[in-house]
């Protein structure tokens, strides 16, 4: 029926091209975000573990040495594992940086609890964690462009189905009911998926019957 319907062959080819394009943008988006998120979470866990080692070492040294500057920040250095887990990424980064800056002032003095090399590793992980966090909106050029491209591709597919292709299929409503109904069923499935997705964004998609 696609071949015998005037103009539908070209529209079908356009739809296939758009679907392929959309799949490509979706894959780009997935490939960009998944490894970064996985690495960020792994680094975060390492930072949490090191904070629970280094902060108590500083508190212990403050109690032992009576270092006035360190005694003043003892309360600020206290953080339970559960408190660290509850922190947002940026808050954890800020706290970890504070712990490192404090520890860096006491080279060789936190042993046997923590070695200087561990402090260096801690700083490297903090820097890596910072790099994995979302950049400011004005610095998200490539990621933003991929998202916009995907959105435009989906919108083009939606418009093509609801308008151009529907116009070509509608005349077959009675003469080729099986073909027409197959198209309607496909549209219903598409609309159902679209509506579920849009609800999370506070938007909705008009039922297929309203776009005829």
Protein backbone atom coordinates (compact mmCIF):
# COMPACT_ATOMS: atom_id res chain seq x y z
CA UNK A 1 0.00 0.00 0.00
CA UNK A 2 2.91 2.33 0.58
CA UNK A 3 3.99 2.01 -3.05
CA UNK A 4 0.53 2.60 -4.54
CA UNK A 5 -0.37 5.57 -2.34
CA UNK A 6 0.65 8.80 -4.12
CA UNK A 7 3.52 10.52 -2.33
CA UNK A 8 3.68 7.98 0.51
CA UNK A 9 6.87 6.28 -0.71
CA UNK A 10 8.84 9.53 -0.38
CA UNK A 11 7.31 10.24 3.02
CA UNK A 12 8.13 6.71 4.17
CA UNK A 13 11.75 7.21 3.12
CA UNK A 14 11.82 10.53 4.98
CA UNK A 15 10.40 8.85 8.09
CA UNK A 16 13.06 6.11 7.97
CA UNK A 17 15.77 8.78 7.64
CA UNK A 18 14.39 10.76 10.58
CA UNK A 19 14.16 7.64 12.75
CA UNK A 20 17.76 6.78 11.94
CA UNK A 21 18.84 10.36 12.69
CA UNK A 22 16.96 10.36 15.99
CA UNK A 23 18.49 7.03 16.98
CA UNK A 24 21.94 8.47 16.25
CA UNK A 25 21.35 11.53 18.45
CA UNK A 26 19.94 9.35 21.25
CA UNK A 27 23.02 7.11 21.07
CA UNK A 28 25.32 10.15 21.20
CA UNK A 29 23.50 11.40 24.28
CA UNK A 30 23.71 8.00 25.98
CA UNK A 31 27.37 7.48 25.13
CA UNK A 32 28.22 10.93 26.49
CA UNK A 33 26.39 10.65 29.80
CA UNK A 34 26.64 7.01 30.92
CA UNK A 35 30.44 6.58 31.23
CA UNK A 36 30.82 10.01 32.83
CA UNK A 37 28.13 9.28 35.40
CA UNK A 38 29.61 5.86 36.16
CA UNK A 39 33.08 7.33 36.67
CA UNK A 40 31.72 10.20 38.76
CA UNK A 41 29.92 7.80 41.10
CA UNK A 42 33.04 5.64 41.48
CA UNK A 43 35.19 8.69 42.29
CA UNK A 44 32.57 9.97 44.72
CA UNK A 45 32.67 6.70 46.64
CA UNK A 46 36.47 6.88 46.89
CA UNK A 47 36.29 10.46 48.15
CA UNK A 48 33.72 9.55 50.79
CA UNK A 49 35.97 6.75 52.02
CA UNK A 50 39.03 9.00 52.20
CA UNK A 51 37.14 11.76 53.99
CA UNK A 52 36.15 9.24 56.68
CA UNK A 53 39.86 8.47 57.14
CA UNK A 54 41.45 11.90 56.84
CA UNK A 55 38.96 14.03 58.81
CA UNK A 56 39.16 11.78 61.93
CA UNK A 57 42.97 11.78 61.60
CA UNK A 58 42.94 15.58 61.72
CA UNK A 59 40.63 15.58 64.74
CA UNK A 60 42.87 13.05 66.50
CA UNK A 61 45.96 15.14 65.76
CA UNK A 62 44.20 18.27 67.07
CA UNK A 63 43.45 16.50 70.35
CA UNK A 64 47.01 15.20 70.64
CA UNK A 65 48.92 18.33 69.59
CA UNK A 66 46.59 21.03 70.82
CA UNK A 67 47.20 22.90 67.54
CA UNK A 68 45.08 26.03 67.98
CA UNK A 69 44.14 26.46 64.31
CA UNK A 70 43.10 22.83 64.02
CA UNK A 71 41.15 22.84 67.27
CA UNK A 72 39.05 25.71 65.88
CA UNK A 73 37.83 23.63 62.93
CA UNK A 74 37.30 20.31 64.72
CA UNK A 75 33.52 20.60 64.61
CA UNK A 76 33.55 21.50 60.92
CA UNK A 77 35.59 18.37 60.18
CA UNK A 78 33.06 16.00 61.72
CA UNK A 79 30.98 14.11 59.17
CA UNK A 80 29.53 10.62 59.48
CA UNK A 81 29.41 8.26 56.47
CA UNK A 82 25.63 8.71 56.33
CA UNK A 83 26.00 12.50 56.30
CA UNK A 84 28.50 12.27 53.45
CA UNK A 85 26.21 10.02 51.43
CA UNK A 86 23.36 12.50 51.90
CA UNK A 87 25.41 15.39 50.53
CA UNK A 88 24.83 16.58 46.98
CA UNK A 89 27.78 16.17 44.65
CA UNK A 90 28.82 19.81 44.72
CA UNK A 91 28.47 19.99 48.52
CA UNK A 92 30.61 16.88 48.92
CA UNK A 93 33.23 18.38 46.62
CA UNK A 94 33.34 21.57 48.70
CA UNK A 95 33.62 19.65 51.97
CA UNK A 96 36.29 17.30 50.61
CA UNK A 97 38.30 20.28 49.34
CA UNK A 98 38.12 21.83 52.82
CA UNK A 99 39.35 18.58 54.41
CA UNK A 100 42.23 18.40 51.93
CA UNK A 101 43.25 22.04 52.40
CA UNK A 102 43.34 21.45 56.14
CA UNK A 103 45.29 18.19 55.88
CA UNK A 104 47.81 19.70 53.45
CA UNK A 105 48.94 22.07 56.23
CA UNK A 106 50.23 19.15 58.31
CA UNK A 107 52.60 17.12 56.10
CA UNK A 108 53.93 14.03 57.83
CA UNK A 109 51.98 14.74 61.00
CA UNK A 110 48.88 12.66 60.39
CA UNK A 111 50.73 9.34 60.34
CA UNK A 112 50.18 6.54 61.16
CA UNK A 113 46.53 7.29 60.31
CA UNK A 114 47.13 8.85 56.89
CA UNK A 115 50.27 9.18 54.76
CA UNK A 116 51.29 12.17 52.65
CA UNK A 117 50.89 10.10 49.47
CA UNK A 118 47.29 9.39 50.43
CA UNK A 119 46.70 13.12 50.81
CA UNK A 120 48.09 13.64 47.29
CA UNK A 121 45.80 10.91 45.91
CA UNK A 122 42.89 12.52 47.74
CA UNK A 123 43.54 15.83 45.95
CA UNK A 124 43.73 14.09 42.56
CA UNK A 125 40.37 12.45 43.17
CA UNK A 126 38.80 15.72 44.27
CA UNK A 127 39.99 17.36 41.04
CA UNK A 128 38.71 14.43 38.94
CA UNK A 129 35.37 14.59 40.73
CA UNK A 130 35.12 18.31 40.02
CA UNK A 131 35.72 17.69 36.30
CA UNK A 132 32.96 15.07 36.18
CA UNK A 133 30.31 17.35 37.67
CA UNK A 134 27.88 19.15 35.32
CA UNK A 135 29.36 22.29 33.84
CA UNK A 136 27.57 25.65 34.07
CA UNK A 137 24.75 25.96 31.54
CA UNK A 138 26.72 28.29 29.29
CA UNK A 139 29.53 25.72 29.07
CA UNK A 140 27.44 22.73 28.06
CA UNK A 141 27.66 23.48 24.34
CA UNK A 142 28.03 20.03 22.79
CA UNK A 143 25.74 18.23 25.22
CA UNK A 144 23.06 20.89 24.82
CA UNK A 145 23.33 20.73 21.03
CA UNK A 146 22.89 16.93 21.03
CA UNK A 147 19.80 17.26 23.23
CA UNK A 148 18.36 19.97 20.98
CA UNK A 149 19.06 17.89 17.87
CA UNK A 150 17.29 14.90 19.40
CA UNK A 151 14.30 17.04 20.35
CA UNK A 152 14.06 18.53 16.86
CA UNK A 153 14.30 15.09 15.28
CA UNK A 154 11.50 13.71 17.48
CA UNK A 155 9.34 16.74 16.70
CA UNK A 156 9.90 16.29 12.97
CA UNK A 157 8.90 12.60 13.20
CA UNK A 158 5.78 13.51 15.17
CA UNK A 159 4.77 16.17 12.63
CA UNK A 160 5.42 13.87 9.69
CA UNK A 161 3.25 11.11 11.18
CA UNK A 162 0.38 13.32 12.34
CA UNK A 163 0.16 15.56 9.30
CA UNK A 164 1.79 14.53 6.01
CA UNK A 165 1.52 10.73 6.35
CA UNK A 166 -1.94 10.83 7.93
CA UNK A 167 -3.22 12.89 4.98
CA UNK A 168 -2.04 10.15 2.62
CA UNK A 169 -3.52 7.32 4.69
CA UNK A 170 -6.94 8.82 5.53
CA UNK A 171 -8.50 8.10 2.09
CA UNK A 172 -7.97 4.36 2.69
CA UNK A 173 -10.22 4.38 5.79
CA UNK A 174 -12.92 2.18 4.18
CA UNK A 175 -11.39 0.72 1.00
CA UNK A 176 -8.25 -0.56 2.70
CA UNK A 177 -9.45 -0.77 6.28
CA UNK A 178 -6.74 -3.24 7.33
CA UNK A 179 -3.97 -0.92 6.17
CA UNK A 180 -5.70 2.12 7.69
CA UNK A 181 -6.28 0.37 11.03
CA UNK A 182 -2.67 -0.79 11.17
CA UNK A 183 -1.59 2.84 10.83
CA UNK A 184 -4.07 3.94 13.51
CA UNK A 185 -2.84 1.24 15.89
CA UNK A 186 0.76 2.33 15.34
CA UNK A 187 -0.22 5.94 16.01
CA UNK A 188 -2.07 4.94 19.20
CA UNK A 189 1.03 3.17 20.50
CA UNK A 190 3.16 6.20 19.61
CA UNK A 191 0.70 8.56 21.34
CA UNK A 192 0.60 6.38 24.46
CA UNK A 193 4.38 6.40 24.77
CA UNK A 194 4.51 10.14 24.06
CA UNK A 195 1.91 10.94 26.72
CA UNK A 196 3.69 8.90 29.40
CA UNK A 197 6.96 10.64 28.61
CA UNK A 198 5.45 14.13 28.55
CA UNK A 199 3.65 13.70 31.89
CA UNK A 200 7.00 13.80 33.65
CA UNK A 201 7.63 17.21 32.08
CA UNK A 202 4.19 18.61 32.87
CA UNK A 203 3.14 18.57 29.22
CA UNK A 204 0.74 16.46 27.23
CA UNK A 205 0.22 15.29 23.67
CA UNK A 206 -3.13 15.57 21.95
CA UNK A 207 -4.73 12.22 21.11
CA UNK A 208 -4.29 11.10 17.51
CA UNK A 209 -8.02 11.56 16.84
CA UNK A 210 -7.70 15.27 17.62
CA UNK A 211 -5.05 15.77 14.96
CA UNK A 212 -6.97 14.31 12.03
